[in-house]
Amino acid sequence: MGRVRQKECDRCHILSKVLYRVQLDSSQQWWFICLQCWQQVSDNNPYYVYGGTWKARKRR
């Protein structure tokens, strides 16, 4: 059994097993954000771009 992988949300800094890679402002910088932050920034945001999902468990 491997170690538990978690990453910190770039926005709220809470550890999560699933993060969403997104652009959320005019800087075009990529951020890894948790589900709660994703729900806040994705709605009615003209700068929002989805770039994939990071998961703690990798496909084998």
C-alpha atoms as a PDB file:
ATOM      1  CA  MET A   1       0.000   0.000   0.000  1.00  0.00           C
ATOM      2  CA  GLY A   2       1.491   3.371  -1.049  1.00  0.00           C
ATOM      3  CA  ARG A   3       1.503   6.659   0.737  1.00  0.00           C
ATOM      4  CA  VAL A   4      -1.536   8.905   0.690  1.00  0.00           C
ATOM      5  CA  ARG A   5      -0.994  11.714  -1.789  1.00  0.00           C
ATOM      6  CA  GLN A   6      -2.523  15.079  -1.071  1.00  0.00           C
ATOM      7  CA  LYS A   7      -1.930  18.575  -2.370  1.00  0.00           C
ATOM      8  CA  GLU A   8      -2.770  21.938  -0.908  1.00  0.00           C
ATOM      9  CA  CYS A   9      -5.347  24.140  -2.614  1.00  0.00           C
ATOM     10  CA  ASP A  10      -3.584  27.230  -4.007  1.00  0.00           C
ATOM     11  CA  ARG A  11      -6.533  29.378  -2.968  1.00  0.00           C
ATOM     12  CA  CYS A  12      -7.687  28.234   0.514  1.00  0.00           C
ATOM     13  CA  HIS A  13      -4.631  26.105   1.451  1.00  0.00           C
ATOM     14  CA  ILE A  14      -6.664  23.065   2.578  1.00  0.00           C
ATOM     15  CA  LEU A  15      -5.222  19.616   1.750  1.00  0.00           C
ATOM     16  CA  SER A  16      -7.225  17.653  -0.787  1.00  0.00           C
ATOM     17  CA  LYS A  17      -7.045  14.344  -2.679  1.00  0.00           C
ATOM     18  CA  VAL A  18      -8.618  15.931  -5.798  1.00  0.00           C
ATOM     19  CA  LEU A  19      -7.701  19.342  -7.210  1.00  0.00           C
ATOM     20  CA  TYR A  20      -8.731  21.120 -10.403  1.00  0.00           C
ATOM     21  CA  ARG A  21      -6.138  22.873 -12.582  1.00  0.00           C
ATOM     22  CA  VAL A  22      -7.662  26.173 -13.680  1.00  0.00           C
ATOM     23  CA  GLN A  23      -6.954  29.691 -14.839  1.00  0.00           C
ATOM     24  CA  LEU A  24      -9.154  32.126 -12.954  1.00  0.00           C
ATOM     25  CA  ASP A  25      -7.948  35.640 -13.740  1.00  0.00           C
ATOM     26  CA  SER A  26      -6.300  37.731 -16.455  1.00  0.00           C
ATOM     27  CA  SER A  27      -2.779  36.622 -15.416  1.00  0.00           C
ATOM     28  CA  GLN A  28      -3.346  33.283 -17.211  1.00  0.00           C
ATOM     29  CA  GLN A  29      -1.505  31.576 -14.345  1.00  0.00           C
ATOM     30  CA  TRP A  30      -2.482  27.964 -13.602  1.00  0.00           C
ATOM     31  CA  TRP A  31      -3.797  27.175 -10.100  1.00  0.00           C
ATOM     32  CA  PHE A  32      -4.658  23.903  -8.367  1.00  0.00           C
ATOM     33  CA  ILE A  33      -7.889  24.452  -6.440  1.00  0.00           C
ATOM     34  CA  CYS A  34     -10.243  22.264  -4.376  1.00  0.00           C
ATOM     35  CA  LEU A  35     -13.892  21.542  -5.173  1.00  0.00           C
ATOM     36  CA  GLN A  36     -15.230  24.282  -2.902  1.00  0.00           C
ATOM     37  CA  CYS A  37     -12.992  26.952  -4.460  1.00  0.00           C
ATOM     38  CA  TRP A  38     -13.702  25.606  -7.955  1.00  0.00           C
ATOM     39  CA  GLN A  39     -17.434  26.088  -7.406  1.00  0.00           C
ATOM     40  CA  GLN A  40     -16.810  29.708  -6.377  1.00  0.00           C
ATOM     41  CA  VAL A  41     -14.507  30.708  -9.243  1.00  0.00           C
ATOM     42  CA  SER A  42     -16.003  28.816 -12.195  1.00  0.00           C
ATOM     43  CA  ASP A  43     -19.433  30.475 -12.247  1.00  0.00           C
ATOM     44  CA  ASN A  44     -19.769  33.596 -14.427  1.00  0.00           C
ATOM     45  CA  ASN A  45     -15.998  34.068 -14.685  1.00  0.00           C
ATOM     46  CA  PRO A  46     -14.864  35.202 -18.164  1.00  0.00           C
ATOM     47  CA  TYR A  47     -11.242  34.223 -17.346  1.00  0.00           C
ATOM     48  CA  TYR A  48     -12.058  30.689 -16.185  1.00  0.00           C
ATOM     49  CA  VAL A  49     -10.261  27.898 -18.086  1.00  0.00           C
ATOM     50  CA  TYR A  50     -10.272  24.247 -16.998  1.00  0.00           C
ATOM     51  CA  GLY A  51      -6.958  22.439 -17.418  1.00  0.00           C
ATOM     52  CA  GLY A  52      -7.489  18.986 -15.942  1.00  0.00           C
ATOM     53  CA  THR A  53      -7.878  17.198 -12.640  1.00  0.00           C
ATOM     54  CA  TRP A  54      -5.143  16.081 -10.244  1.00  0.00           C
ATOM     55  CA  LYS A  55      -6.056  12.975  -8.236  1.00  0.00           C
ATOM     56  CA  ALA A  56      -4.359  11.312  -5.282  1.00  0.00           C
ATOM     57  CA  ARG A  57      -4.727   7.884  -6.867  1.00  0.00           C
ATOM     58  CA  LYS A  58      -3.045   7.482 -10.220  1.00  0.00           C
ATOM     59  CA  ARG A  59      -4.423   5.179 -12.882  1.00  0.00           C
ATOM     60  CA  ARG A  60      -2.376   2.029 -13.384  1.00  0.00           C
END
